[in-house]
Amino acid sequence: MAIPPDSKSEVDAIVETIIYLYTESRRLTKGMAAQFGLTGPQLTVIKLLEELGDLSLSSLSERIRAQNSTVTGIIDRMEREGLVRRERSTTDRRVVYIRLSDKGQKLAKNIQVEPMEIFRSALTSLTPADLAELLRILTKLRKGVLSFVEGAEAAAQGNSREEEP
């Protein structure tokens, strides 16, 4: 679907704002994490576990929007550094929970502000109606991007199969 010429500058401004917010969140996370000898993803994991408590690997992967294998690597390094522990569920042996260690809990308490909090704080200036509308629009945008990505991945897989002898 083509963008009407009179909407192009608005669409460009929206894309630039989304990119700015993403870039700024990464910059803030990386800078804050470095102060505590962590990577950005490790900081995110520590603050999530502090806020939500124990999480399964798949739950953690969903929350930080990363593949299980990627999160496994992050958790492996954090476990070696004594920041987290893996504990098998007592009700379902297939499930392993990630839990902050004492060292991880102390570190989490020392990190006063996290990047997500900066965005939460900025969002509090919006009215409840604006928040609901923003969530509705962002959810719609997310679905559109996901649909586009899935279509592109399916097309790429189709093309690679055509190239096989």
C-alpha atoms as a PDB file:
ATOM      1  CA  MET A   1       0.000   0.000   0.000  1.00  0.00           C
ATOM      2  CA  ALA A   2       1.451   3.358  -1.035  1.00  0.00           C
ATOM      3  CA  ILE A   3       1.694   6.243   1.410  1.00  0.00           C
ATOM      4  CA  PRO A   4      -0.267   9.291   0.255  1.00  0.00           C
ATOM      5  CA  PRO A   5       2.151  12.141  -0.572  1.00  0.00           C
ATOM      6  CA  ASP A   6       0.581  14.423   2.061  1.00  0.00           C
ATOM      7  CA  SER A   7       1.243  11.787   4.783  1.00  0.00           C
ATOM      8  CA  LYS A   8       4.847  10.970   3.834  1.00  0.00           C
ATOM      9  CA  SER A   9       6.421  13.576   6.127  1.00  0.00           C
ATOM     10  CA  GLU A  10       4.240  12.420   9.056  1.00  0.00           C
ATOM     11  CA  VAL A  11       5.150   8.778   8.418  1.00  0.00           C
ATOM     12  CA  ASP A  12       8.836   9.696   8.182  1.00  0.00           C
ATOM     13  CA  ALA A  13       8.585  11.646  11.468  1.00  0.00           C
ATOM     14  CA  ILE A  14       6.969   8.632  13.154  1.00  0.00           C
ATOM     15  CA  VAL A  15       9.671   6.263  11.851  1.00  0.00           C
ATOM     16  CA  GLU A  16      12.396   8.667  13.004  1.00  0.00           C
ATOM     17  CA  THR A  17      10.778   8.890  16.458  1.00  0.00           C
ATOM     18  CA  ILE A  18      10.557   5.104  16.767  1.00  0.00           C
ATOM     19  CA  ILE A  19      14.215   4.768  15.756  1.00  0.00           C
ATOM     20  CA  TYR A  20      15.205   7.523  18.202  1.00  0.00           C
ATOM     21  CA  LEU A  21      13.348   5.840  21.090  1.00  0.00           C
ATOM     22  CA  TYR A  22      14.929   2.472  20.273  1.00  0.00           C
ATOM     23  CA  THR A  23      18.418   3.939  19.907  1.00  0.00           C
ATOM     24  CA  GLU A  24      18.103   6.014  23.065  1.00  0.00           C
ATOM     25  CA  SER A  25      16.880   3.049  25.102  1.00  0.00           C
ATOM     26  CA  ARG A  26      19.832   0.970  23.893  1.00  0.00           C
ATOM     27  CA  ARG A  27      22.272   3.795  24.667  1.00  0.00           C
ATOM     28  CA  LEU A  28      20.847   4.311  28.170  1.00  0.00           C
ATOM     29  CA  THR A  29      20.822   0.588  28.909  1.00  0.00           C
ATOM     30  CA  LYS A  30      24.381   0.095  27.674  1.00  0.00           C
ATOM     31  CA  GLY A  31      25.698   3.102  29.602  1.00  0.00           C
ATOM     32  CA  MET A  32      23.951   2.173  32.830  1.00  0.00           C
ATOM     33  CA  ALA A  33      24.949  -1.485  32.526  1.00  0.00           C
ATOM     34  CA  ALA A  34      28.603  -0.571  31.991  1.00  0.00           C
ATOM     35  CA  GLN A  35      28.628   1.339  35.294  1.00  0.00           C
ATOM     36  CA  PHE A  36      27.874  -1.965  37.040  1.00  0.00           C
ATOM     37  CA  GLY A  37      30.091  -4.217  34.902  1.00  0.00           C
ATOM     38  CA  LEU A  38      27.111  -5.670  33.018  1.00  0.00           C
ATOM     39  CA  THR A  39      25.937  -5.880  29.438  1.00  0.00           C
ATOM     40  CA  GLY A  40      22.637  -4.268  28.436  1.00  0.00           C
ATOM     41  CA  PRO A  41      20.779  -7.597  28.267  1.00  0.00           C
ATOM     42  CA  GLN A  42      22.179  -8.621  31.673  1.00  0.00           C
ATOM     43  CA  LEU A  43      20.907  -5.372  33.191  1.00  0.00           C
ATOM     44  CA  THR A  44      17.490  -5.982  31.663  1.00  0.00           C
ATOM     45  CA  VAL A  45      17.401  -9.532  33.057  1.00  0.00           C
ATOM     46  CA  ILE A  46      18.425  -8.386  36.544  1.00  0.00           C
ATOM     47  CA  LYS A  47      15.768  -5.667  36.669  1.00  0.00           C
ATOM     48  CA  LEU A  48      13.071  -8.007  35.307  1.00  0.00           C
ATOM     49  CA  LEU A  49      13.881 -10.681  37.867  1.00  0.00           C
ATOM     50  CA  GLU A  50      13.949  -8.063  40.622  1.00  0.00           C
ATOM     51  CA  GLU A  51      10.537  -6.755  39.593  1.00  0.00           C
ATOM     52  CA  LEU A  52       8.781 -10.009  38.672  1.00  0.00           C
ATOM     53  CA  GLY A  53      10.613 -12.663  40.663  1.00  0.00           C
ATOM     54  CA  ASP A  54      11.655 -16.044  39.275  1.00  0.00           C
ATOM     55  CA  LEU A  55      10.954 -16.572  35.576  1.00  0.00           C
ATOM     56  CA  SER A  56      11.257 -19.583  33.338  1.00  0.00           C
ATOM     57  CA  LEU A  57      13.711 -19.330  30.462  1.00  0.00           C
ATOM     58  CA  SER A  58      10.881 -19.168  27.915  1.00  0.00           C
ATOM     59  CA  SER A  59       9.086 -16.482  29.928  1.00  0.00           C
ATOM     60  CA  LEU A  60      12.266 -14.462  30.167  1.00  0.00           C
ATOM     61  CA  SER A  61      12.856 -14.885  26.423  1.00  0.00           C
ATOM     62  CA  GLU A  62       9.375 -13.566  25.671  1.00  0.00           C
ATOM     63  CA  ARG A  63       9.818 -10.589  27.974  1.00  0.00           C
ATOM     64  CA  ILE A  64      13.122  -9.470  26.453  1.00  0.00           C
ATOM     65  CA  ARG A  65      12.054 -10.468  22.931  1.00  0.00           C
ATOM     66  CA  ALA A  66      14.993 -12.788  22.301  1.00  0.00           C
ATOM     67  CA  GLN A  67      15.447 -16.385  21.222  1.00  0.00           C
ATOM     68  CA  ASN A  68      15.733 -19.024  23.963  1.00  0.00           C
ATOM     69  CA  SER A  69      19.255 -19.840  22.749  1.00  0.00           C
ATOM     70  CA  THR A  70      20.304 -16.193  23.093  1.00  0.00           C
ATOM     71  CA  VAL A  71      18.845 -15.942  26.591  1.00  0.00           C
ATOM     72  CA  THR A  72      20.525 -19.230  27.543  1.00  0.00           C
ATOM     73  CA  GLY A  73      23.895 -17.650  26.680  1.00  0.00           C
ATOM     74  CA  ILE A  74      23.097 -14.546  28.723  1.00  0.00           C
ATOM     75  CA  ILE A  75      22.017 -16.671  31.695  1.00  0.00           C
ATOM     76  CA  ASP A  76      25.089 -18.941  31.375  1.00  0.00           C
ATOM     77  CA  ARG A  77      27.382 -15.905  31.717  1.00  0.00           C
ATOM     78  CA  MET A  78      25.324 -14.435  34.570  1.00  0.00           C
ATOM     79  CA  GLU A  79      25.373 -17.770  36.386  1.00  0.00           C
ATOM     80  CA  ARG A  80      29.178 -17.990  36.036  1.00  0.00           C
ATOM     81  CA  GLU A  81      29.402 -14.494  37.543  1.00  0.00           C
ATOM     82  CA  GLY A  82      27.180 -15.549  40.456  1.00  0.00           C
ATOM     83  CA  LEU A  83      24.324 -13.192  39.586  1.00  0.00           C
ATOM     84  CA  VAL A  84      21.602 -15.804  38.978  1.00  0.00           C
ATOM     85  CA  ARG A  85      20.806 -19.438  39.735  1.00  0.00           C
ATOM     86  CA  ARG A  86      18.855 -21.991  37.763  1.00  0.00           C
ATOM     87  CA  GLU A  87      16.312 -23.969  39.779  1.00  0.00           C
ATOM     88  CA  ARG A  88      14.191 -26.803  38.451  1.00  0.00           C
ATOM     89  CA  SER A  89      10.458 -26.545  39.127  1.00  0.00           C
ATOM     90  CA  THR A  90       9.195 -28.874  41.852  1.00  0.00           C
ATOM     91  CA  THR A  91       5.893 -29.334  39.994  1.00  0.00           C
ATOM     92  CA  ASP A  92       7.184 -29.743  36.424  1.00  0.00           C
ATOM     93  CA  ARG A  93      10.722 -31.082  36.065  1.00  0.00           C
ATOM     94  CA  ARG A  94      10.906 -29.816  32.469  1.00  0.00           C
ATOM     95  CA  VAL A  95      10.732 -26.194  33.651  1.00  0.00           C
ATOM     96  CA  VAL A  96      13.815 -24.386  34.924  1.00  0.00           C
ATOM     97  CA  TYR A  97      13.391 -21.072  36.710  1.00  0.00           C
ATOM     98  CA  ILE A  98      15.938 -18.294  36.688  1.00  0.00           C
ATOM     99  CA  ARG A  99      16.352 -16.681  40.108  1.00  0.00           C
ATOM    100  CA  LEU A 100      18.536 -13.807  41.288  1.00  0.00           C
ATOM    101  CA  SER A 101      21.301 -14.912  43.646  1.00  0.00           C
ATOM    102  CA  ASP A 102      22.079 -12.864  46.758  1.00  0.00           C
ATOM    103  CA  LYS A 103      24.798 -11.100  44.756  1.00  0.00           C
ATOM    104  CA  GLY A 104      22.311 -10.408  41.923  1.00  0.00           C
ATOM    105  CA  GLN A 105      19.711  -9.062  44.361  1.00  0.00           C
ATOM    106  CA  LYS A 106      22.245  -6.692  45.951  1.00  0.00           C
ATOM    107  CA  LEU A 107      23.310  -5.467  42.521  1.00  0.00           C
ATOM    108  CA  ALA A 108      19.676  -4.974  41.440  1.00  0.00           C
ATOM    109  CA  LYS A 109      19.022  -2.833  44.535  1.00  0.00           C
ATOM    110  CA  ASN A 110      22.060  -0.667  43.732  1.00  0.00           C
ATOM    111  CA  ILE A 111      20.774   0.088  40.237  1.00  0.00           C
ATOM    112  CA  GLN A 112      18.323   2.852  41.083  1.00  0.00           C
ATOM    113  CA  VAL A 113      17.074   3.827  37.641  1.00  0.00           C
ATOM    114  CA  GLU A 114      16.700   1.572  34.700  1.00  0.00           C
ATOM    115  CA  PRO A 115      15.918   2.573  31.113  1.00  0.00           C
ATOM    116  CA  MET A 116      12.405   1.101  31.205  1.00  0.00           C
ATOM    117  CA  GLU A 117      11.635   3.377  34.151  1.00  0.00           C
ATOM    118  CA  ILE A 118      12.616   6.434  32.115  1.00  0.00           C
ATOM    119  CA  PHE A 119      10.053   5.501  29.465  1.00  0.00           C
ATOM    120  CA  ARG A 120       7.416   4.630  32.088  1.00  0.00           C
ATOM    121  CA  SER A 121       7.971   8.020  33.659  1.00  0.00           C
ATOM    122  CA  ALA A 122       7.596   9.791  30.307  1.00  0.00           C
ATOM    123  CA  LEU A 123       4.374   7.888  29.616  1.00  0.00           C
ATOM    124  CA  THR A 124       2.814   9.091  32.879  1.00  0.00           C
ATOM    125  CA  SER A 125       2.404  12.517  31.293  1.00  0.00           C
ATOM    126  CA  LEU A 126      -0.204  11.022  28.955  1.00  0.00           C
ATOM    127  CA  THR A 127      -3.874  10.804  29.843  1.00  0.00           C
ATOM    128  CA  PRO A 128      -5.439   7.363  30.309  1.00  0.00           C
ATOM    129  CA  ALA A 129      -7.245   7.862  26.989  1.00  0.00           C
ATOM    130  CA  ASP A 130      -3.973   8.746  25.222  1.00  0.00           C
ATOM    131  CA  LEU A 131      -2.279   5.691  26.756  1.00  0.00           C
ATOM    132  CA  ALA A 132      -5.087   3.421  25.548  1.00  0.00           C
ATOM    133  CA  GLU A 133      -4.933   4.943  22.059  1.00  0.00           C
ATOM    134  CA  LEU A 134      -1.135   4.678  21.934  1.00  0.00           C
ATOM    135  CA  LEU A 135      -1.278   1.031  23.002  1.00  0.00           C
ATOM    136  CA  ARG A 136      -3.952   0.314  20.378  1.00  0.00           C
ATOM    137  CA  ILE A 137      -1.905   1.950  17.624  1.00  0.00           C
ATOM    138  CA  LEU A 138       1.411   0.364  18.685  1.00  0.00           C
ATOM    139  CA  THR A 139      -0.229  -3.073  18.878  1.00  0.00           C
ATOM    140  CA  LYS A 140      -1.571  -2.579  15.363  1.00  0.00           C
ATOM    141  CA  LEU A 141       1.872  -1.433  14.185  1.00  0.00           C
ATOM    142  CA  ARG A 142       3.533  -4.431  15.853  1.00  0.00           C
ATOM    143  CA  LYS A 143       1.136  -6.816  14.101  1.00  0.00           C
ATOM    144  CA  GLY A 144       1.870  -5.124  10.761  1.00  0.00           C
ATOM    145  CA  VAL A 145       5.635  -5.393  11.244  1.00  0.00           C
ATOM    146  CA  LEU A 146       5.328  -9.017  12.383  1.00  0.00           C
ATOM    147  CA  SER A 147       3.212  -9.860   9.344  1.00  0.00           C
ATOM    148  CA  PHE A 148       5.743  -8.184   7.038  1.00  0.00           C
ATOM    149  CA  VAL A 149       8.691  -9.988   8.676  1.00  0.00           C
ATOM    150  CA  GLU A 150       6.952 -13.371   8.550  1.00  0.00           C
ATOM    151  CA  GLY A 151       6.098 -12.812   4.887  1.00  0.00           C
ATOM    152  CA  ALA A 152       9.677 -11.832   4.055  1.00  0.00           C
ATOM    153  CA  GLU A 153      11.048 -14.868   5.927  1.00  0.00           C
ATOM    154  CA  ALA A 154       8.614 -17.189   4.154  1.00  0.00           C
ATOM    155  CA  ALA A 155       9.586 -15.705   0.789  1.00  0.00           C
ATOM    156  CA  ALA A 156      13.290 -16.117   1.599  1.00  0.00           C
ATOM    157  CA  GLN A 157      12.747 -19.760   2.561  1.00  0.00           C
ATOM    158  CA  GLY A 158      10.795 -20.311  -0.630  1.00  0.00           C
ATOM    159  CA  ASN A 159      13.600 -18.782  -2.698  1.00  0.00           C
ATOM    160  CA  SER A 160      16.261 -20.911  -0.996  1.00  0.00           C
ATOM    161  CA  ARG A 161      14.268 -24.067  -1.736  1.00  0.00           C
ATOM    162  CA  GLU A 162      13.983 -23.104  -5.409  1.00  0.00           C
ATOM    163  CA  GLU A 163      17.775 -22.800  -5.611  1.00  0.00           C
ATOM    164  CA  GLU A 164      18.354 -26.334  -4.322  1.00  0.00           C
ATOM    165  CA  PRO A 165      19.088 -28.934  -7.042  1.00  0.00           C
END
